[in-house]
Each structure stands twice: as C-alpha cells, then as structure tokens.
Protein backbone atom coordinates (compact mmCIF):
# COMPACT_ATOMS: atom_id res chain seq x y z
CA MET A 1 -72.42 -81.49 23.44
CA ARG A 2 -73.92 -84.23 25.62
CA VAL A 3 -73.84 -85.17 29.30
CA VAL A 4 -74.08 -88.90 29.97
CA ALA A 5 -74.27 -90.78 33.27
CA ALA A 6 -71.39 -93.24 33.21
CA THR A 7 -71.81 -96.89 34.19
CA ALA A 8 -69.55 -99.90 34.65
CA ALA A 9 -69.65 -100.40 30.88
CA THR A 10 -68.47 -96.90 29.96
CA PHE A 11 -64.73 -97.60 30.24
CA GLU A 12 -64.84 -101.40 30.18
CA GLY A 13 -61.90 -102.76 28.18
CA ARG A 14 -60.82 -99.22 27.23
CA PRO A 15 -58.07 -98.14 29.64
CA ALA A 16 -56.81 -95.41 27.28
CA VAL A 17 -60.19 -93.64 27.35
CA LEU A 18 -60.30 -93.89 31.14
CA GLN A 19 -56.77 -92.54 31.42
CA ARG A 20 -57.64 -89.65 29.11
CA LEU A 21 -60.42 -88.55 31.47
CA VAL A 22 -58.11 -88.94 34.48
CA ASP A 23 -55.57 -86.72 32.72
CA ILE A 24 -58.22 -84.05 32.04
CA ILE A 25 -59.21 -84.05 35.72
CA ASN A 26 -55.67 -83.94 37.08
CA GLU A 27 -54.63 -81.19 34.67
CA ALA A 28 -57.67 -79.11 35.60
CA TYR A 29 -56.92 -79.42 39.31
CA MET A 30 -53.24 -78.70 38.77
CA TYR A 31 -54.30 -75.51 37.00
CA GLY A 32 -56.79 -74.57 39.69
CA GLU A 33 -54.99 -75.53 42.88
CA GLY A 34 -51.57 -76.91 42.01
CA ASP A 35 -49.84 -74.38 44.26
CA ILE A 36 -51.87 -75.55 47.27
CA PHE A 37 -50.46 -79.07 47.07
CA ARG A 38 -46.85 -80.13 46.90
CA GLU A 39 -45.22 -81.66 43.85
CA GLY A 40 -46.42 -85.14 43.01
CA PHE A 41 -49.97 -84.82 44.31
CA GLN A 42 -52.73 -85.87 41.90
CA ARG A 43 -56.43 -85.27 42.33
CA THR A 44 -57.58 -88.68 41.17
CA SER A 45 -56.60 -92.01 39.61
CA PRO A 46 -58.05 -94.51 37.12
CA ALA A 47 -59.31 -96.67 39.98
CA ASP A 48 -61.12 -93.73 41.59
CA VAL A 49 -62.77 -92.57 38.36
CA GLU A 50 -63.77 -96.09 37.38
CA GLY A 51 -65.25 -96.56 40.86
CA PHE A 52 -67.47 -93.51 40.44
CA ALA A 53 -68.58 -94.83 37.04
CA LYS A 54 -69.42 -98.27 38.44
CA ARG A 55 -71.47 -96.67 41.20
CA GLN A 56 -73.20 -94.47 38.58
CA GLN A 57 -71.92 -91.33 40.28
CA LEU A 58 -70.07 -89.81 37.31
CA LEU A 59 -71.41 -87.42 34.68
CA VAL A 60 -69.27 -87.28 31.55
CA VAL A 61 -69.36 -84.43 29.04
CA VAL A 62 -68.63 -85.36 25.44
CA GLU A 63 -68.76 -83.72 22.05
CA ASP A 64 -71.80 -84.58 19.97
CA THR A 65 -70.47 -84.45 16.43
CA ALA A 66 -73.82 -84.09 14.67
CA THR A 67 -75.14 -81.35 16.97
CA ASP A 68 -71.81 -79.53 17.19
CA ASP A 69 -71.44 -79.53 13.40
CA LYS A 70 -74.92 -77.98 13.04
CA THR A 71 -74.06 -75.33 15.64
CA ALA A 72 -70.83 -74.47 13.86
CA GLN A 73 -72.61 -74.29 10.51
CA ALA A 74 -75.28 -71.98 11.98
CA ALA A 75 -72.59 -69.73 13.44
CA THR A 76 -70.84 -69.53 10.06
CA THR A 77 -74.11 -68.67 8.31
CA THR A 78 -74.88 -65.96 10.88
CA ALA A 79 -71.43 -64.43 10.49
CA ALA A 80 -71.78 -64.36 6.72
CA ALA A 81 -75.20 -62.71 6.97
CA GLU A 82 -73.85 -60.02 9.28
CA GLU A 83 -71.00 -59.32 6.86
CA GLU A 84 -73.65 -58.69 4.21
CA GLY A 85 -75.34 -56.14 6.47
CA GLN A 86 -78.18 -58.35 7.66
CA GLN A 87 -78.09 -57.76 11.43
CA GLN A 88 -79.24 -60.62 13.60
CA GLN A 89 -81.35 -59.08 16.38
CA GLN A 90 -82.20 -62.32 18.11
CA GLN A 91 -79.98 -65.21 19.07
CA GLN A 92 -81.29 -68.60 19.94
CA ALA A 93 -80.42 -69.62 23.50
CA ARG A 94 -78.44 -72.79 23.78
CA PRO A 95 -80.75 -75.61 24.86
CA ALA A 96 -80.33 -76.93 28.38
CA LEU A 97 -78.34 -80.13 28.64
CA ARG A 98 -80.04 -83.10 30.26
CA VAL A 99 -78.22 -86.05 31.73
CA GLU A 100 -78.66 -89.06 29.45
CA LEU A 101 -79.10 -92.42 31.17
CA ASP A 102 -78.16 -95.84 29.83
CA SER A 103 -81.12 -98.20 29.95
CA ALA A 104 -82.55 -101.24 28.25
CA GLU A 105 -85.08 -99.02 26.49
CA HIS A 106 -82.46 -96.46 25.44
CA PRO A 107 -79.04 -98.13 25.43
CA LEU A 108 -75.99 -95.93 24.94
CA ASP A 109 -73.28 -97.05 22.54
CA TRP A 110 -70.32 -96.24 24.77
CA PRO A 111 -67.49 -96.93 22.26
CA SER A 112 -68.96 -94.38 19.84
CA ILE A 113 -70.09 -91.81 22.43
CA VAL A 114 -67.19 -91.67 24.91
CA THR A 115 -63.83 -91.68 23.13
CA GLU A 116 -60.44 -90.11 23.76
CA ALA A 117 -61.25 -87.46 21.17
CA SER A 118 -64.81 -86.72 22.30
CA LEU A 119 -64.11 -86.28 26.02
CA ILE A 120 -64.64 -82.71 27.26
CA GLY A 121 -64.83 -83.10 31.02
CA CYS A 122 -66.82 -84.51 33.89
CA MET A 123 -68.39 -84.02 37.29
CA LYS A 124 -69.28 -86.46 40.04
CA LEU A 125 -72.78 -86.48 41.49
CA VAL A 126 -73.07 -88.46 44.72
CA VAL A 127 -76.43 -88.65 46.48
CA HIS A 128 -76.42 -88.72 50.29
CA ASP A 129 -79.62 -89.52 52.11
CA ALA A 130 -80.60 -87.26 55.00
CA LYS A 131 -79.18 -88.34 58.34
CA GLN A 132 -81.19 -88.33 61.53
CA ALA A 133 -80.08 -86.77 64.82
CA ARG A 134 -79.67 -89.24 67.66
CA HIS A 135 -82.01 -88.89 70.61
CA GLY A 136 -80.77 -86.23 73.00
CA GLN A 137 -77.99 -84.99 70.71
CA GLY A 138 -79.88 -82.52 68.54
CA ARG A 139 -78.32 -80.77 65.57
CA GLN A 140 -74.62 -80.06 65.49
CA ALA A 141 -72.90 -77.96 62.84
CA GLU A 142 -69.42 -78.00 64.34
CA ALA A 143 -66.56 -77.65 61.87
CA GLY A 144 -65.16 -80.98 63.01
CA ASP A 145 -68.36 -82.73 62.00
CA ALA A 146 -68.15 -81.14 58.57
CA ALA A 147 -65.10 -83.28 57.94
CA GLN A 148 -67.29 -86.32 57.59
CA THR A 149 -68.74 -85.07 54.31
CA SER A 150 -65.61 -85.26 52.19
CA GLU A 151 -65.17 -88.38 50.08
CA ALA A 152 -61.70 -88.96 51.48
CA ALA A 153 -62.93 -88.75 55.06
CA ARG A 154 -65.78 -91.11 54.30
CA ASP A 155 -63.50 -93.58 52.61
CA SER A 156 -61.08 -93.62 55.53
CA ALA A 157 -63.63 -93.38 58.34
CA GLY A 158 -63.88 -96.19 60.82
CA GLY A 159 -65.14 -96.92 64.29
CA GLU A 160 -68.18 -95.25 65.79
CA GLU A 161 -70.47 -93.33 63.48
CA ALA A 162 -70.09 -89.56 63.77
CA VAL A 163 -72.90 -87.38 65.05
CA PRO A 164 -74.63 -85.90 61.98
CA SER A 165 -74.23 -82.18 61.40
CA ALA A 166 -77.16 -79.90 60.60
CA HIS A 167 -76.18 -79.70 56.94
CA GLU A 168 -76.27 -83.52 56.72
CA MET A 169 -79.93 -83.70 57.75
CA VAL A 170 -81.16 -83.06 54.23
CA LYS A 171 -80.90 -85.21 51.13
CA ARG A 172 -77.86 -83.92 49.26
CA GLY A 173 -76.61 -84.22 45.71
CA GLU A 174 -72.88 -83.70 46.16
CA VAL A 175 -71.14 -82.37 43.06
CA GLY A 176 -67.38 -82.33 42.68
CA MET A 177 -64.38 -83.47 40.65
CA PHE A 178 -65.46 -80.77 38.21
CA ALA A 179 -63.13 -80.58 35.21
CA VAL A 180 -63.21 -79.22 31.66
CA ARG A 181 -60.59 -79.84 29.00
CA ARG A 182 -57.94 -77.14 28.87
CA ASP A 183 -58.67 -75.96 25.33
CA LEU A 184 -62.39 -75.57 26.05
CA ARG A 185 -62.35 -73.57 29.28
CA SER A 186 -64.14 -70.22 29.60
CA LYS A 187 -66.67 -71.17 26.93
CA GLY A 188 -69.72 -71.67 29.16
CA ILE A 189 -69.33 -75.46 29.41
CA GLY A 190 -69.03 -75.40 33.19
CA LYS A 191 -72.30 -73.51 33.57
CA ARG A 192 -74.15 -75.94 31.34
CA LEU A 193 -72.66 -78.93 33.17
CA PHE A 194 -73.68 -77.49 36.54
CA ASP A 195 -77.18 -76.85 35.20
CA ALA A 196 -77.43 -80.48 34.08
CA ALA A 197 -76.06 -81.86 37.36
CA GLU A 198 -78.42 -79.73 39.46
CA ALA A 199 -81.38 -80.78 37.31
CA ARG A 200 -80.40 -84.43 37.76
CA ALA A 201 -80.10 -83.97 41.54
CA GLN A 202 -83.58 -82.43 41.49
CA GLU A 203 -84.90 -85.45 39.57
CA LEU A 204 -83.40 -87.67 42.29
CA ASN A 205 -85.42 -85.76 44.91
CA CYS A 206 -82.41 -84.08 46.53
CA ASP A 207 -83.19 -81.16 48.82
CA VAL A 208 -79.92 -79.39 48.04
CA CYS A 209 -76.89 -79.54 45.82
CA GLU A 210 -73.66 -79.61 47.81
CA LEU A 211 -70.13 -78.68 46.78
CA GLN A 212 -66.86 -78.26 48.63
CA LEU A 213 -64.22 -75.56 48.19
CA LEU A 214 -60.63 -75.93 49.34
CA TYR A 215 -58.59 -72.74 49.71
CA PRO A 216 -55.44 -71.46 51.49
CA ARG A 217 -56.12 -69.78 54.81
CA ASP A 218 -53.06 -67.54 54.90
CA ARG A 219 -53.08 -65.92 51.45
CA PRO A 220 -55.40 -64.84 48.64
CA HIS A 221 -55.91 -67.26 45.76
CA ALA A 222 -57.21 -65.89 42.46
CA ASN A 223 -58.71 -69.15 41.17
CA LYS A 224 -60.44 -69.95 44.46
CA ASP A 225 -61.74 -66.40 44.82
CA ARG A 226 -63.17 -66.57 41.30
CA LEU A 227 -64.85 -69.92 42.03
CA ARG A 228 -66.27 -68.62 45.31
CA LYS A 229 -67.89 -65.69 43.53
CA TRP A 230 -69.18 -67.92 40.74
CA TYR A 231 -70.71 -70.43 43.17
CA THR A 232 -72.33 -67.58 45.11
CA ARG A 233 -73.89 -66.19 41.92
CA ARG A 234 -75.31 -69.65 41.26
CA GLY A 235 -77.07 -69.61 44.63
CA TYR A 236 -74.64 -71.61 46.78
CA ARG A 237 -74.05 -70.56 50.41
CA VAL A 238 -71.53 -71.76 53.01
CA VAL A 239 -73.09 -74.08 55.60
CA ALA A 240 -69.96 -75.48 57.28
CA SER A 241 -66.19 -74.93 57.42
CA SER A 242 -63.25 -76.99 58.61
CA ASP A 243 -59.47 -77.06 58.81
CA PHE A 244 -58.54 -79.41 55.97
CA CYS A 245 -55.31 -80.72 57.51
CA ALA A 246 -57.02 -81.48 60.82
CA MET A 247 -59.79 -83.20 58.92
CA LEU A 248 -57.45 -85.36 56.83
CA PRO A 249 -54.13 -85.57 58.71
CA HIS A 250 -52.87 -88.41 56.53
CA ILE A 251 -52.44 -86.02 53.58
CA ALA A 252 -51.38 -82.95 55.57
CA ALA A 253 -47.77 -83.53 54.48
CA LEU A 254 -48.83 -82.85 50.88
CA ILE A 255 -50.26 -79.40 51.66
CA ASN A 256 -48.42 -76.10 51.30
CA GLY A 257 -49.51 -74.19 54.38
CA PRO A 258 -52.82 -74.03 56.28
CA VAL A 259 -55.88 -74.83 54.19
CA CYS A 260 -59.60 -74.37 54.85
CA PHE A 261 -62.47 -76.40 53.53
CA ASP A 262 -65.93 -74.86 53.04
CA ILE A 263 -69.12 -76.78 52.31
CA TYR A 264 -71.74 -75.01 50.19
CA HIS A 265 -75.42 -75.80 49.73
CA LYS A 266 -77.89 -74.66 47.09
CA PRO A 267 -81.58 -75.38 47.79
CA LEU A 268 -83.36 -77.26 45.02
CA PRO A 269 -87.06 -77.04 44.20
CA PRO A 270 -89.04 -80.29 44.21
CA PRO A 271 -89.06 -82.10 40.88
CA PRO A 272 -91.94 -81.22 38.56
CA PRO A 273 -94.83 -83.69 38.47
CA ALA A 274 -94.33 -86.57 36.07
C-alpha cells in the first residue's frame, strides 16, 4: 500500500479514474452519515476532488502490487508454518506509510500508480497558516467564528474578513474527506493513512492537525460516536463547536434535523532535524 500526494497530473485525461475516487468518497460518506442528509446530497464531485489535486491538497491511497503480493505471500507462509506446529512468537509490525511526492528527481508514473483498480481511498490535507489577532480584539473562540474554518464556509465567504478565533492562531494541517473503499474497511487502513497525513503535516511545520466532525444534535449516532472515540484515542480534542445549519444556511434544507459541528486539534511535535 502507498500514499501519494496528488497533483494536477494525477487525473489528467483520465476522467474514469477521477470518477472512481469520487464514488469511493461519496459511498463512504453515505455509509457514515447518509441519514444526516436528505436524499440526493453528495459529499463531493469530480471538480472538487480535481481541485484538491491541483492544489496538492489530496493524499491518495493505492495498492502497491509488488509490496502487497510479498505481504500476502508472507502471511501464507506463516499460516502454513503454524499448521505444522511451528508457532510464530513475533510478528513484524507493518512499516509506517510515508507520503510520496512527485518531483523532477523522483517522478511518479501516475497512469501505473493510480488506476481504477488500485484506488483504496484518500484524505485531504490543507495547510492553514496561523492568523493574527487584530489590535484591540484579542482572541475569540466563539462558535460563530468556528464556522470560518470549514471549506464550504471559506469557499462562500465574502465581504469583511472575520475575526480569527483562538484555534486559528496556530498553523494547522486540516485533514478531511477521509474515505476508504467499502471492501477494505476495518482493516487498519484508516489508522495508517492518518499516521501518514499527520507525519506530512509535521514535515510542513504545522503546529496541529485539525479535523471536523459533523453529528446530529438531537439523537445518538453510532458511526459518529465511534469516530469521536477513535479521534480522542488518537489525541484529538475539541477546540470549537458550532451549529452547522447556522454556519452554512444555504445547505440547511438538505439536513435532517439540527446538526452540530465540532473542530478537533491534535498537537504535533516539531519536525526532526534534517
């Protein structure tokens, strides 16, 4: 398995591959929060995903045939040895995934790496520089200000610049649009992808990793509760909350009931010396 940082060339001239990734994302979000939105809502579109790729804000997870074949062969050999009574007392830990970058020195052959068949999932990683408080205004962490951090709010924002919230006064690596192919869920891929994204954010000198969790305010939600616990175990903590419909009134008609929006931060250590 590999994690690659997509570029403008990743999906160039290959709309079917782009659509395949869009389908993986939309299916994952339909599974995770389809009951929160009304029928017809989709998490993303080809234009959105391609935009993230062009801005180099998209991490794509793909199968690595050579490595995966070796892993499968090793697993088969281990199973056979155990059947013969040779107990394996130690298991090799899976190596950490690192985000691979396309460069002149190490070009990536996109048509052979990212294909419809090899796609596993993705995650966006958007870096936000720390904002500065205006003179006399100080730090504000009001829920209304938290609205400015969502990609939809940023895309639709206009007029006077909002007063920065306390959680915006650090350099943030915002992760989101997290999706894994349906047949490969619950196999540890999400953990490895998060590890790779957080390591990349650390390399980019981010102070924190940021993620956002949408959940219904008036009822329990098993998938959201599970994610909340998982994020907490990974070291994420809530730093701001907001009413989602008040934050984005133009899509309130697509929501089933009142919905809250929490912003989580996880502190990152400084990158190791080069």
